[in-house]
C-alpha atoms as a PDB file:
ATOM      1  CA  UNK A   1     -25.835 -50.475  81.677  1.00  0.00           C
ATOM      2  CA  UNK A   2     -27.308 -52.143  78.453  1.00  0.00           C
ATOM      3  CA  UNK A   3     -26.496 -50.220  75.146  1.00  0.00           C
ATOM      4  CA  UNK A   4     -29.649 -49.143  73.417  1.00  0.00           C
ATOM      5  CA  UNK A   5     -29.810 -51.188  70.000  1.00  0.00           C
ATOM      6  CA  UNK A   6     -29.852 -48.646  67.087  1.00  0.00           C
ATOM      7  CA  UNK A   7     -33.188 -48.370  65.119  1.00  0.00           C
ATOM      8  CA  UNK A   8     -32.846 -50.362  61.835  1.00  0.00           C
ATOM      9  CA  UNK A   9     -34.559 -50.278  58.488  1.00  0.00           C
ATOM     10  CA  UNK A  10     -36.363 -53.556  59.409  1.00  0.00           C
ATOM     11  CA  UNK A  11     -37.726 -51.713  62.647  1.00  0.00           C
ATOM     12  CA  UNK A  12     -39.271 -48.892  60.415  1.00  0.00           C
ATOM     13  CA  UNK A  13     -40.903 -51.467  58.129  1.00  0.00           C
ATOM     14  CA  UNK A  14     -42.281 -53.250  61.163  1.00  0.00           C
ATOM     15  CA  UNK A  15     -43.573 -50.007  62.296  1.00  0.00           C
ATOM     16  CA  UNK A  16     -45.185 -49.331  59.026  1.00  0.00           C
ATOM     17  CA  UNK A  17     -46.933 -52.650  58.947  1.00  0.00           C
ATOM     18  CA  UNK A  18     -48.320 -52.041  62.511  1.00  0.00           C
ATOM     19  CA  UNK A  19     -49.707 -48.707  61.491  1.00  0.00           C
ATOM     20  CA  UNK A  20     -51.061 -50.010  58.430  1.00  0.00           C
ATOM     21  CA  UNK A  21     -52.799 -52.792  60.358  1.00  0.00           C
ATOM     22  CA  UNK A  22     -54.235 -50.229  62.954  1.00  0.00           C
ATOM     23  CA  UNK A  23     -55.555 -48.205  59.975  1.00  0.00           C
ATOM     24  CA  UNK A  24     -57.337 -51.177  58.426  1.00  0.00           C
ATOM     25  CA  UNK A  25     -59.005 -52.123  61.538  1.00  0.00           C
ATOM     26  CA  UNK A  26     -60.281 -48.456  62.181  1.00  0.00           C
ATOM     27  CA  UNK A  27     -61.722 -48.136  58.911  1.00  0.00           C
ATOM     28  CA  UNK A  28     -63.099 -51.814  58.677  1.00  0.00           C
ATOM     29  CA  UNK A  29     -64.519 -51.140  62.216  1.00  0.00           C
ATOM     30  CA  UNK A  30     -66.322 -47.967  60.943  1.00  0.00           C
ATOM     31  CA  UNK A  31     -67.667 -49.547  57.943  1.00  0.00           C
ATOM     32  CA  UNK A  32     -68.342 -53.106  58.895  1.00  0.00           C
ATOM     33  CA  UNK A  33     -67.863 -54.351  55.332  1.00  0.00           C
ATOM     34  CA  UNK A  34     -66.798 -57.852  54.666  1.00  0.00           C
ATOM     35  CA  UNK A  35     -63.073 -58.063  53.891  1.00  0.00           C
ATOM     36  CA  UNK A  36     -60.983 -59.183  50.891  1.00  0.00           C
ATOM     37  CA  UNK A  37     -60.762 -62.884  52.041  1.00  0.00           C
ATOM     38  CA  UNK A  38     -64.736 -62.808  52.198  1.00  0.00           C
ATOM     39  CA  UNK A  39     -64.858 -61.088  48.827  1.00  0.00           C
ATOM     40  CA  UNK A  40     -62.849 -64.245  47.373  1.00  0.00           C
ATOM     41  CA  UNK A  41     -64.741 -66.793  49.602  1.00  0.00           C
ATOM     42  CA  UNK A  42     -68.313 -65.563  48.332  1.00  0.00           C
ATOM     43  CA  UNK A  43     -67.146 -65.124  44.697  1.00  0.00           C
ATOM     44  CA  UNK A  44     -65.828 -68.570  44.761  1.00  0.00           C
ATOM     45  CA  UNK A  45     -68.906 -70.118  46.058  1.00  0.00           C
ATOM     46  CA  UNK A  46     -71.107 -68.233  43.303  1.00  0.00           C
ATOM     47  CA  UNK A  47     -68.811 -69.329  40.638  1.00  0.00           C
ATOM     48  CA  UNK A  48     -69.135 -73.048  41.778  1.00  0.00           C
ATOM     49  CA  UNK A  49     -72.927 -72.728  42.210  1.00  0.00           C
ATOM     50  CA  UNK A  50     -75.678 -72.909  39.403  1.00  0.00           C
ATOM     51  CA  UNK A  51     -75.498 -69.178  38.713  1.00  0.00           C
ATOM     52  CA  UNK A  52     -74.192 -69.866  35.023  1.00  0.00           C
ATOM     53  CA  UNK A  53     -76.903 -72.621  34.393  1.00  0.00           C
ATOM     54  CA  UNK A  54     -79.602 -70.382  35.805  1.00  0.00           C
ATOM     55  CA  UNK A  55     -78.471 -67.522  33.413  1.00  0.00           C
ATOM     56  CA  UNK A  56     -77.342 -65.160  36.140  1.00  0.00           C
ATOM     57  CA  UNK A  57     -75.154 -62.012  35.503  1.00  0.00           C
ATOM     58  CA  UNK A  58     -72.207 -62.227  37.749  1.00  0.00           C
ATOM     59  CA  UNK A  59     -69.938 -59.174  37.611  1.00  0.00           C
ATOM     60  CA  UNK A  60     -67.182 -57.913  39.995  1.00  0.00           C
ATOM     61  CA  UNK A  61     -65.784 -54.444  40.274  1.00  0.00           C
ATOM     62  CA  UNK A  62     -62.644 -53.334  41.775  1.00  0.00           C
ATOM     63  CA  UNK A  63     -62.740 -49.769  42.993  1.00  0.00           C
ATOM     64  CA  UNK A  64     -59.523 -47.568  43.718  1.00  0.00           C
ATOM     65  CA  UNK A  65     -59.431 -44.215  45.179  1.00  0.00           C
ATOM     66  CA  UNK A  66     -57.059 -41.989  43.022  1.00  0.00           C
ATOM     67  CA  UNK A  67     -53.852 -40.669  44.421  1.00  0.00           C
ATOM     68  CA  UNK A  68     -54.662 -41.497  47.948  1.00  0.00           C
ATOM     69  CA  UNK A  69     -51.271 -41.692  49.252  1.00  0.00           C
ATOM     70  CA  UNK A  70     -50.856 -37.833  49.422  1.00  0.00           C
ATOM     71  CA  UNK A  71     -53.971 -37.664  51.640  1.00  0.00           C
ATOM     72  CA  UNK A  72     -52.327 -39.265  54.332  1.00  0.00           C
ATOM     73  CA  UNK A  73     -48.947 -37.294  53.493  1.00  0.00           C
ATOM     74  CA  UNK A  74     -50.747 -33.808  53.298  1.00  0.00           C
ATOM     75  CA  UNK A  75     -53.647 -34.093  55.715  1.00  0.00           C
ATOM     76  CA  UNK A  76     -52.630 -36.924  58.330  1.00  0.00           C
ATOM     77  CA  UNK A  77     -53.878 -40.485  58.769  1.00  0.00           C
ATOM     78  CA  UNK A  78     -57.239 -39.458  60.515  1.00  0.00           C
ATOM     79  CA  UNK A  79     -58.366 -37.466  57.576  1.00  0.00           C
ATOM     80  CA  UNK A  80     -57.088 -40.374  55.296  1.00  0.00           C
ATOM     81  CA  UNK A  81     -59.325 -42.698  57.489  1.00  0.00           C
ATOM     82  CA  UNK A  82     -62.298 -40.446  57.319  1.00  0.00           C
ATOM     83  CA  UNK A  83     -62.004 -40.161  53.454  1.00  0.00           C
ATOM     84  CA  UNK A  84     -62.050 -44.027  53.185  1.00  0.00           C
ATOM     85  CA  UNK A  85     -64.929 -44.238  55.327  1.00  0.00           C
ATOM     86  CA  UNK A  86     -66.953 -41.656  53.451  1.00  0.00           C
ATOM     87  CA  UNK A  87     -66.103 -43.312  50.303  1.00  0.00           C
ATOM     88  CA  UNK A  88     -67.160 -46.814  51.655  1.00  0.00           C
ATOM     89  CA  UNK A  89     -70.448 -45.254  52.647  1.00  0.00           C
ATOM     90  CA  UNK A  90     -71.109 -43.645  49.506  1.00  0.00           C
ATOM     91  CA  UNK A  91     -70.438 -46.688  47.530  1.00  0.00           C
ATOM     92  CA  UNK A  92     -72.921 -48.640  49.647  1.00  0.00           C
ATOM     93  CA  UNK A  93     -75.754 -46.013  49.489  1.00  0.00           C
ATOM     94  CA  UNK A  94     -75.672 -46.426  45.657  1.00  0.00           C
ATOM     95  CA  UNK A  95     -75.298 -50.151  44.926  1.00  0.00           C
ATOM     96  CA  UNK A  96     -78.587 -51.775  43.978  1.00  0.00           C
ATOM     97  CA  UNK A  97     -80.216 -54.355  45.994  1.00  0.00           C
ATOM     98  CA  UNK A  98     -78.385 -57.770  45.697  1.00  0.00           C
ATOM     99  CA  UNK A  99     -74.772 -56.192  45.215  1.00  0.00           C
ATOM    100  CA  UNK A 100     -72.487 -56.728  48.173  1.00  0.00           C
ATOM    101  CA  UNK A 101     -69.753 -54.288  48.839  1.00  0.00           C
ATOM    102  CA  UNK A 102     -66.300 -55.402  50.459  1.00  0.00           C
ATOM    103  CA  UNK A 103     -63.306 -53.630  51.968  1.00  0.00           C
ATOM    104  CA  UNK A 104     -60.567 -55.111  49.677  1.00  0.00           C
ATOM    105  CA  UNK A 105     -57.876 -53.411  51.533  1.00  0.00           C
ATOM    106  CA  UNK A 106     -55.886 -50.044  51.542  1.00  0.00           C
ATOM    107  CA  UNK A 107     -57.996 -47.681  49.334  1.00  0.00           C
ATOM    108  CA  UNK A 108     -59.605 -50.444  47.327  1.00  0.00           C
ATOM    109  CA  UNK A 109     -63.284 -51.479  47.469  1.00  0.00           C
ATOM    110  CA  UNK A 110     -64.870 -54.517  45.640  1.00  0.00           C
ATOM    111  CA  UNK A 111     -68.639 -55.253  44.606  1.00  0.00           C
ATOM    112  CA  UNK A 112     -70.196 -58.484  43.397  1.00  0.00           C
ATOM    113  CA  UNK A 113     -73.168 -57.963  41.350  1.00  0.00           C
ATOM    114  CA  UNK A 114     -75.531 -60.866  40.604  1.00  0.00           C
ATOM    115  CA  UNK A 115     -78.968 -61.107  39.207  1.00  0.00           C
ATOM    116  CA  UNK A 116     -80.527 -60.366  35.824  1.00  0.00           C
ATOM    117  CA  UNK A 117     -78.888 -56.904  35.114  1.00  0.00           C
ATOM    118  CA  UNK A 118     -76.855 -56.975  31.915  1.00  0.00           C
ATOM    119  CA  UNK A 119     -73.156 -56.063  32.276  1.00  0.00           C
ATOM    120  CA  UNK A 120     -73.486 -53.156  29.891  1.00  0.00           C
ATOM    121  CA  UNK A 121     -76.121 -51.651  32.506  1.00  0.00           C
ATOM    122  CA  UNK A 122     -73.803 -52.448  35.307  1.00  0.00           C
ATOM    123  CA  UNK A 123     -70.897 -50.572  33.505  1.00  0.00           C
ATOM    124  CA  UNK A 124     -73.247 -47.568  33.023  1.00  0.00           C
ATOM    125  CA  UNK A 125     -74.011 -47.752  36.771  1.00  0.00           C
ATOM    126  CA  UNK A 126     -70.400 -47.681  37.559  1.00  0.00           C
ATOM    127  CA  UNK A 127     -69.738 -44.937  35.120  1.00  0.00           C
ATOM    128  CA  UNK A 128     -72.339 -42.903  37.143  1.00  0.00           C
ATOM    129  CA  UNK A 129     -70.966 -43.921  40.374  1.00  0.00           C
ATOM    130  CA  UNK A 130     -67.502 -42.397  39.435  1.00  0.00           C
ATOM    131  CA  UNK A 131     -69.109 -39.356  38.028  1.00  0.00           C
ATOM    132  CA  UNK A 132     -71.064 -38.494  40.885  1.00  0.00           C
ATOM    133  CA  UNK A 133     -68.313 -39.130  43.531  1.00  0.00           C
ATOM    134  CA  UNK A 134     -68.938 -36.630  46.194  1.00  0.00           C
ATOM    135  CA  UNK A 135     -65.962 -37.139  48.697  1.00  0.00           C
ATOM    136  CA  UNK A 136     -63.710 -34.307  49.452  1.00  0.00           C
ATOM    137  CA  UNK A 137     -60.640 -33.546  51.749  1.00  0.00           C
ATOM    138  CA  UNK A 138     -60.882 -30.977  54.451  1.00  0.00           C
ATOM    139  CA  UNK A 139     -59.616 -28.214  51.931  1.00  0.00           C
ATOM    140  CA  UNK A 140     -62.710 -28.601  49.987  1.00  0.00           C
ATOM    141  CA  UNK A 141     -60.727 -30.458  47.037  1.00  0.00           C
ATOM    142  CA  UNK A 142     -62.638 -32.944  45.063  1.00  0.00           C
ATOM    143  CA  UNK A 143     -61.194 -36.380  44.304  1.00  0.00           C
ATOM    144  CA  UNK A 144     -61.727 -39.235  41.949  1.00  0.00           C
ATOM    145  CA  UNK A 145     -62.028 -42.961  41.888  1.00  0.00           C
ATOM    146  CA  UNK A 146     -61.047 -45.427  39.051  1.00  0.00           C
ATOM    147  CA  UNK A 147     -63.088 -48.789  38.334  1.00  0.00           C
ATOM    148  CA  UNK A 148     -62.070 -52.091  36.813  1.00  0.00           C
ATOM    149  CA  UNK A 149     -64.787 -54.602  36.127  1.00  0.00           C
ATOM    150  CA  UNK A 150     -65.032 -58.125  34.833  1.00  0.00           C
ATOM    151  CA  UNK A 151     -67.799 -60.587  34.036  1.00  0.00           C
ATOM    152  CA  UNK A 152     -68.078 -64.286  35.324  1.00  0.00           C
ATOM    153  CA  UNK A 153     -68.392 -66.894  32.666  1.00  0.00           C
ATOM    154  CA  UNK A 154     -67.498 -64.554  30.117  1.00  0.00           C
ATOM    155  CA  UNK A 155     -64.003 -63.234  31.085  1.00  0.00           C
ATOM    156  CA  UNK A 156     -63.374 -66.144  33.282  1.00  0.00           C
ATOM    157  CA  UNK A 157     -64.914 -68.924  35.411  1.00  0.00           C
ATOM    158  CA  UNK A 158     -62.410 -69.090  38.273  1.00  0.00           C
ATOM    159  CA  UNK A 159     -61.961 -66.726  41.183  1.00  0.00           C
ATOM    160  CA  UNK A 160     -58.502 -65.942  40.799  1.00  0.00           C
ATOM    161  CA  UNK A 161     -58.845 -65.539  36.928  1.00  0.00           C
ATOM    162  CA  UNK A 162     -61.714 -63.312  37.338  1.00  0.00           C
ATOM    163  CA  UNK A 163     -60.195 -60.907  39.923  1.00  0.00           C
ATOM    164  CA  UNK A 164     -57.062 -60.896  37.812  1.00  0.00           C
ATOM    165  CA  UNK A 165     -59.134 -59.832  34.860  1.00  0.00           C
ATOM    166  CA  UNK A 166     -60.613 -56.999  37.025  1.00  0.00           C
ATOM    167  CA  UNK A 167     -57.372 -56.013  38.239  1.00  0.00           C
ATOM    168  CA  UNK A 168     -56.035 -55.654  34.804  1.00  0.00           C
ATOM    169  CA  UNK A 169     -58.946 -53.507  33.850  1.00  0.00           C
ATOM    170  CA  UNK A 170     -58.315 -51.389  36.768  1.00  0.00           C
ATOM    171  CA  UNK A 171     -54.598 -51.020  35.915  1.00  0.00           C
ATOM    172  CA  UNK A 172     -55.403 -50.060  32.323  1.00  0.00           C
ATOM    173  CA  UNK A 173     -57.829 -47.564  33.750  1.00  0.00           C
ATOM    174  CA  UNK A 174     -55.266 -46.158  35.864  1.00  0.00           C
ATOM    175  CA  UNK A 175     -52.686 -46.026  33.169  1.00  0.00           C
ATOM    176  CA  UNK A 176     -55.395 -44.371  30.986  1.00  0.00           C
ATOM    177  CA  UNK A 177     -55.529 -41.183  33.152  1.00  0.00           C
ATOM    178  CA  UNK A 178     -57.529 -42.384  36.177  1.00  0.00           C
ATOM    179  CA  UNK A 179     -61.240 -41.369  36.938  1.00  0.00           C
ATOM    180  CA  UNK A 180     -62.366 -44.168  34.529  1.00  0.00           C
ATOM    181  CA  UNK A 181     -64.309 -47.306  34.185  1.00  0.00           C
ATOM    182  CA  UNK A 182     -62.653 -50.082  32.238  1.00  0.00           C
ATOM    183  CA  UNK A 183     -64.198 -53.583  31.298  1.00  0.00           C
ATOM    184  CA  UNK A 184     -61.972 -56.726  31.139  1.00  0.00           C
ATOM    185  CA  UNK A 185     -60.948 -57.683  27.620  1.00  0.00           C
ATOM    186  CA  UNK A 186     -59.350 -60.241  25.771  1.00  0.00           C
ATOM    187  CA  UNK A 187     -55.840 -60.589  26.459  1.00  0.00           C
ATOM    188  CA  UNK A 188     -53.050 -60.921  23.868  1.00  0.00           C
ATOM    189  CA  UNK A 189     -50.596 -63.564  24.799  1.00  0.00           C
ATOM    190  CA  UNK A 190     -46.779 -62.762  24.614  1.00  0.00           C
ATOM    191  CA  UNK A 191     -44.562 -65.698  24.355  1.00  0.00           C
ATOM    192  CA  UNK A 192     -41.663 -65.387  26.721  1.00  0.00           C
ATOM    193  CA  UNK A 193     -38.993 -68.006  27.102  1.00  0.00           C
ATOM    194  CA  UNK A 194     -38.546 -69.226  30.622  1.00  0.00           C
ATOM    195  CA  UNK A 195     -36.558 -71.881  32.742  1.00  0.00           C
ATOM    196  CA  UNK A 196     -37.926 -73.910  35.460  1.00  0.00           C
ATOM    197  CA  UNK A 197     -36.817 -76.975  37.218  1.00  0.00           C
ATOM    198  CA  UNK A 198     -38.050 -80.118  36.725  1.00  0.00           C
ATOM    199  CA  UNK A 199     -39.494 -80.515  40.303  1.00  0.00           C
ATOM    200  CA  UNK A 200     -41.283 -76.960  39.666  1.00  0.00           C
ATOM    201  CA  UNK A 201     -42.783 -78.316  36.252  1.00  0.00           C
ATOM    202  CA  UNK A 202     -43.941 -81.633  37.893  1.00  0.00           C
ATOM    203  CA  UNK A 203     -45.544 -79.915  40.777  1.00  0.00           C
ATOM    204  CA  UNK A 204     -47.266 -77.454  38.467  1.00  0.00           C
ATOM    205  CA  UNK A 205     -48.578 -80.155  36.377  1.00  0.00           C
ATOM    206  CA  UNK A 206     -50.117 -81.933  39.483  1.00  0.00           C
ATOM    207  CA  UNK A 207     -51.628 -78.813  40.728  1.00  0.00           C
ATOM    208  CA  UNK A 208     -53.182 -78.144  37.339  1.00  0.00           C
ATOM    209  CA  UNK A 209     -54.645 -81.633  37.332  1.00  0.00           C
ATOM    210  CA  UNK A 210     -55.843 -81.248  41.040  1.00  0.00           C
ATOM    211  CA  UNK A 211     -57.609 -77.883  40.083  1.00  0.00           C
ATOM    212  CA  UNK A 212     -58.737 -78.787  36.551  1.00  0.00           C
ATOM    213  CA  UNK A 213     -57.129 -75.782  35.027  1.00  0.00           C
ATOM    214  CA  UNK A 214     -54.423 -74.984  32.505  1.00  0.00           C
ATOM    215  CA  UNK A 215     -50.894 -74.795  33.751  1.00  0.00           C
ATOM    216  CA  UNK A 216     -50.822 -71.414  31.738  1.00  0.00           C
ATOM    217  CA  UNK A 217     -53.594 -69.880  33.840  1.00  0.00           C
ATOM    218  CA  UNK A 218     -51.958 -71.067  37.005  1.00  0.00           C
ATOM    219  CA  UNK A 219     -48.578 -69.352  35.864  1.00  0.00           C
ATOM    220  CA  UNK A 220     -50.258 -66.026  35.112  1.00  0.00           C
ATOM    221  CA  UNK A 221     -52.161 -65.916  38.659  1.00  0.00           C
ATOM    222  CA  UNK A 222     -48.623 -66.742  40.236  1.00  0.00           C
ATOM    223  CA  UNK A 223     -47.034 -63.922  38.369  1.00  0.00           C
ATOM    224  CA  UNK A 224     -50.138 -61.407  39.249  1.00  0.00           C
ATOM    225  CA  UNK A 225     -49.522 -62.131  42.910  1.00  0.00           C
ATOM    226  CA  UNK A 226     -45.876 -61.484  42.356  1.00  0.00           C
ATOM    227  CA  UNK A 227     -46.535 -57.978  40.672  1.00  0.00           C
ATOM    228  CA  UNK A 228     -48.868 -57.287  43.537  1.00  0.00           C
ATOM    229  CA  UNK A 229     -46.619 -58.123  46.296  1.00  0.00           C
ATOM    230  CA  UNK A 230     -44.095 -55.554  44.926  1.00  0.00           C
ATOM    231  CA  UNK A 231     -46.679 -53.127  44.027  1.00  0.00           C
ATOM    232  CA  UNK A 232     -46.047 -53.142  40.293  1.00  0.00           C
END
Protein backbone atom coordinates (compact mmCIF):
# COMPACT_ATOMS: atom_id res chain seq x y z
CA UNK A 1 0.00 0.00 0.00
CA UNK A 2 1.41 3.34 -1.06
CA UNK A 3 2.32 5.82 1.66
CA UNK A 4 0.27 9.01 1.52
CA UNK A 5 2.46 12.02 0.78
CA UNK A 6 2.38 14.65 3.53
CA UNK A 7 0.89 18.04 2.66
CA UNK A 8 3.63 20.59 2.06
CA UNK A 9 3.76 24.39 2.23
CA UNK A 10 3.76 24.44 -1.57
CA UNK A 11 0.52 22.43 -1.57
CA UNK A 12 -1.10 25.10 0.60
CA UNK A 13 0.18 27.81 -1.76
CA UNK A 14 -1.20 26.00 -4.79
CA UNK A 15 -4.58 25.61 -3.07
CA UNK A 16 -4.61 29.33 -2.25
CA UNK A 17 -3.83 30.16 -5.88
CA UNK A 18 -6.66 27.89 -7.06
CA UNK A 19 -9.10 29.47 -4.62
CA UNK A 20 -8.02 32.95 -5.70
CA UNK A 21 -8.52 32.00 -9.37
CA UNK A 22 -12.03 30.72 -8.62
CA UNK A 23 -12.79 33.92 -6.73
CA UNK A 24 -11.64 36.09 -9.64
CA UNK A 25 -13.77 34.03 -12.03
CA UNK A 26 -16.90 34.26 -9.86
CA UNK A 27 -16.71 38.03 -9.50
CA UNK A 28 -15.71 38.59 -13.14
CA UNK A 29 -18.57 36.40 -14.35
CA UNK A 30 -21.05 38.39 -12.28
CA UNK A 31 -19.77 41.84 -13.29
CA UNK A 32 -18.65 41.09 -16.87
CA UNK A 33 -16.10 43.91 -16.62
CA UNK A 34 -13.00 44.01 -18.82
CA UNK A 35 -9.95 42.70 -16.94
CA UNK A 36 -6.62 44.26 -16.00
CA UNK A 37 -5.01 43.00 -19.22
CA UNK A 38 -7.67 44.77 -21.26
CA UNK A 39 -7.19 47.89 -19.14
CA UNK A 40 -3.53 48.04 -20.21
CA UNK A 41 -4.33 47.27 -23.84
CA UNK A 42 -7.02 49.95 -24.04
CA UNK A 43 -4.86 52.51 -22.24
CA UNK A 44 -1.90 51.82 -24.52
CA UNK A 45 -4.10 52.25 -27.58
CA UNK A 46 -5.45 55.55 -26.28
CA UNK A 47 -1.98 56.88 -25.45
CA UNK A 48 -0.72 55.95 -28.91
CA UNK A 49 -3.72 57.57 -30.63
CA UNK A 50 -4.27 61.23 -31.44
CA UNK A 51 -5.80 61.94 -28.02
CA UNK A 52 -3.03 64.35 -26.98
CA UNK A 53 -3.03 66.34 -30.22
CA UNK A 54 -6.84 66.40 -30.17
CA UNK A 55 -6.76 68.01 -26.74
CA UNK A 56 -8.53 65.13 -25.01
CA UNK A 57 -8.28 64.70 -21.26
CA UNK A 58 -7.28 61.13 -20.42
CA UNK A 59 -7.27 60.17 -16.73
CA UNK A 60 -6.96 56.80 -15.06
CA UNK A 61 -8.13 55.95 -11.55
CA UNK A 62 -7.25 52.91 -9.44
CA UNK A 63 -9.83 52.11 -6.75
CA UNK A 64 -9.04 49.83 -3.82
CA UNK A 65 -11.48 48.49 -1.22
CA UNK A 66 -10.04 49.36 2.20
CA UNK A 67 -9.10 46.50 4.53
CA UNK A 68 -10.85 43.94 2.37
CA UNK A 69 -9.01 40.87 3.64
CA UNK A 70 -10.81 40.80 6.97
CA UNK A 71 -14.17 40.45 5.16
CA UNK A 72 -13.16 37.08 3.76
CA UNK A 73 -11.74 36.10 7.13
CA UNK A 74 -14.64 37.30 9.28
CA UNK A 75 -17.60 36.68 6.97
CA UNK A 76 -16.43 34.12 4.40
CA UNK A 77 -15.52 34.13 0.71
CA UNK A 78 -19.14 34.32 -0.48
CA UNK A 79 -19.65 37.56 1.43
CA UNK A 80 -16.38 38.86 0.04
CA UNK A 81 -17.59 38.10 -3.49
CA UNK A 82 -20.91 39.83 -2.83
CA UNK A 83 -19.14 42.94 -1.51
CA UNK A 84 -16.86 43.11 -4.57
CA UNK A 85 -19.80 42.65 -6.94
CA UNK A 86 -21.78 45.39 -5.18
CA UNK A 87 -18.71 47.65 -5.29
CA UNK A 88 -18.28 47.09 -9.02
CA UNK A 89 -21.94 47.74 -9.71
CA UNK A 90 -21.85 50.95 -7.67
CA UNK A 91 -18.80 52.28 -9.53
CA UNK A 92 -20.32 51.35 -12.91
CA UNK A 93 -23.59 53.09 -12.05
CA UNK A 94 -21.83 56.34 -11.20
CA UNK A 95 -19.23 56.83 -13.94
CA UNK A 96 -20.04 59.34 -16.68
CA UNK A 97 -20.70 58.37 -20.29
CA UNK A 98 -17.48 57.52 -22.08
CA UNK A 99 -15.66 56.22 -19.01
CA UNK A 100 -14.86 52.50 -18.85
CA UNK A 101 -14.67 50.43 -15.65
CA UNK A 102 -12.31 47.46 -15.30
CA UNK A 103 -11.75 44.70 -12.76
CA UNK A 104 -8.01 45.00 -12.27
CA UNK A 105 -7.89 42.05 -9.86
CA UNK A 106 -8.39 41.22 -6.19
CA UNK A 107 -10.25 44.11 -4.60
CA UNK A 108 -9.02 46.70 -7.11
CA UNK A 109 -10.96 48.35 -9.92
CA UNK A 110 -9.81 50.76 -12.60
CA UNK A 111 -11.45 53.50 -14.63
CA UNK A 112 -10.30 55.17 -17.83
CA UNK A 113 -11.79 58.61 -18.39
CA UNK A 114 -11.42 60.34 -21.74
CA UNK A 115 -13.09 63.39 -23.17
CA UNK A 116 -13.26 67.11 -22.47
CA UNK A 117 -13.78 66.99 -18.70
CA UNK A 118 -10.90 68.65 -16.82
CA UNK A 119 -8.89 66.48 -14.47
CA UNK A 120 -9.84 68.69 -11.50
CA UNK A 121 -13.50 67.89 -12.19
CA UNK A 122 -12.65 64.19 -12.42
CA UNK A 123 -10.92 64.48 -9.04
CA UNK A 124 -14.10 66.00 -7.57
CA UNK A 125 -16.18 63.21 -9.11
CA UNK A 126 -13.91 60.58 -7.57
CA UNK A 127 -14.12 62.32 -4.22
CA UNK A 128 -17.93 62.16 -4.41
CA UNK A 129 -17.69 58.51 -5.47
CA UNK A 130 -15.68 57.82 -2.33
CA UNK A 131 -17.85 59.89 0.00
CA UNK A 132 -21.07 58.23 -1.14
CA UNK A 133 -19.77 54.65 -1.14
CA UNK A 134 -22.80 52.64 0.07
CA UNK A 135 -21.55 49.04 0.28
CA UNK A 136 -21.96 47.34 3.66
CA UNK A 137 -21.24 43.88 4.99
CA UNK A 138 -23.93 41.59 6.38
CA UNK A 139 -23.52 43.01 9.88
CA UNK A 140 -24.53 46.45 8.62
CA UNK A 141 -21.04 47.94 8.94
CA UNK A 142 -20.04 50.55 6.38
CA UNK A 143 -16.75 50.41 4.49
CA UNK A 144 -14.54 52.75 2.49
CA UNK A 145 -12.54 52.91 -0.72
CA UNK A 146 -9.28 54.65 -1.54
CA UNK A 147 -8.44 56.06 -4.98
CA UNK A 148 -5.29 57.07 -6.84
CA UNK A 149 -5.44 58.94 -10.15
CA UNK A 150 -3.01 60.03 -12.85
CA UNK A 151 -3.41 62.16 -15.97
CA UNK A 152 -2.04 61.14 -19.35
CA UNK A 153 0.44 63.46 -21.09
CA UNK A 154 0.79 65.40 -17.82
CA UNK A 155 2.00 62.76 -15.38
CA UNK A 156 3.23 60.29 -18.03
CA UNK A 157 2.74 59.32 -21.68
CA UNK A 158 3.41 55.57 -21.50
CA UNK A 159 0.99 53.00 -20.12
CA UNK A 160 3.30 51.42 -17.54
CA UNK A 161 4.54 54.78 -16.27
CA UNK A 162 1.03 56.23 -16.02
CA UNK A 163 -0.23 53.19 -14.12
CA UNK A 164 2.81 53.44 -11.86
CA UNK A 165 1.98 57.08 -11.09
CA UNK A 166 -1.64 56.22 -10.27
CA UNK A 167 -0.51 53.29 -8.15
CA UNK A 168 1.89 55.58 -6.31
CA UNK A 169 -0.94 58.02 -5.62
CA UNK A 170 -3.08 55.13 -4.34
CA UNK A 171 -0.27 54.03 -2.05
CA UNK A 172 0.16 57.54 -0.63
CA UNK A 173 -3.57 57.77 0.00
CA UNK A 174 -3.51 54.40 1.78
CA UNK A 175 -0.55 55.44 3.92
CA UNK A 176 -2.29 58.74 4.66
CA UNK A 177 -5.17 56.98 6.39
CA UNK A 178 -7.29 55.44 3.61
CA UNK A 179 -10.72 56.69 2.49
CA UNK A 180 -9.01 59.33 0.34
CA UNK A 181 -8.39 60.36 -3.25
CA UNK A 182 -4.86 61.29 -4.28
CA UNK A 183 -3.52 62.69 -7.53
CA UNK A 184 -0.15 61.71 -8.96
CA UNK A 185 2.58 64.15 -8.07
CA UNK A 186 6.02 65.03 -9.34
CA UNK A 187 8.43 62.53 -7.88
CA UNK A 188 11.63 63.32 -6.07
CA UNK A 189 14.39 61.07 -7.38
CA UNK A 190 16.63 59.56 -4.72
CA UNK A 191 20.08 58.48 -5.97
CA UNK A 192 21.03 54.95 -4.96
CA UNK A 193 24.21 53.15 -5.95
CA UNK A 194 23.54 49.79 -7.61
CA UNK A 195 25.65 47.27 -9.45
CA UNK A 196 24.54 45.55 -12.64
CA UNK A 197 26.31 43.12 -14.91
CA UNK A 198 27.63 44.32 -18.24
CA UNK A 199 25.18 42.01 -20.01
CA UNK A 200 22.24 43.50 -18.07
CA UNK A 201 23.26 47.05 -18.94
CA UNK A 202 23.73 46.22 -22.63
CA UNK A 203 20.32 44.57 -22.80
CA UNK A 204 18.76 47.51 -20.92
CA UNK A 205 20.27 49.96 -23.40
CA UNK A 206 18.93 47.87 -26.29
CA UNK A 207 15.45 47.79 -24.77
CA UNK A 208 15.46 51.53 -24.10
CA UNK A 209 16.44 52.21 -27.73
CA UNK A 210 13.77 49.82 -29.04
CA UNK A 211 11.02 51.36 -26.88
CA UNK A 212 12.34 54.91 -27.32
CA UNK A 213 12.27 55.57 -23.59
CA UNK A 214 14.84 56.39 -20.92
CA UNK A 215 16.65 53.59 -19.11
CA UNK A 216 15.72 55.13 -15.73
CA UNK A 217 12.01 54.85 -16.57
CA UNK A 218 12.40 51.18 -17.46
CA UNK A 219 14.27 50.50 -14.21
CA UNK A 220 11.53 52.21 -12.18
CA UNK A 221 8.90 50.10 -13.96
CA UNK A 222 10.88 46.95 -13.16
CA UNK A 223 11.22 47.91 -9.49
CA UNK A 224 7.50 48.62 -9.24
CA UNK A 225 6.73 45.18 -10.71
CA UNK A 226 9.05 43.61 -8.14
CA UNK A 227 7.40 45.46 -5.24
CA UNK A 228 3.94 44.51 -6.52
CA UNK A 229 4.98 40.86 -6.84
CA UNK A 230 5.91 40.75 -3.16
CA UNK A 231 2.95 42.92 -2.13
CA UNK A 232 5.03 45.77 -0.71
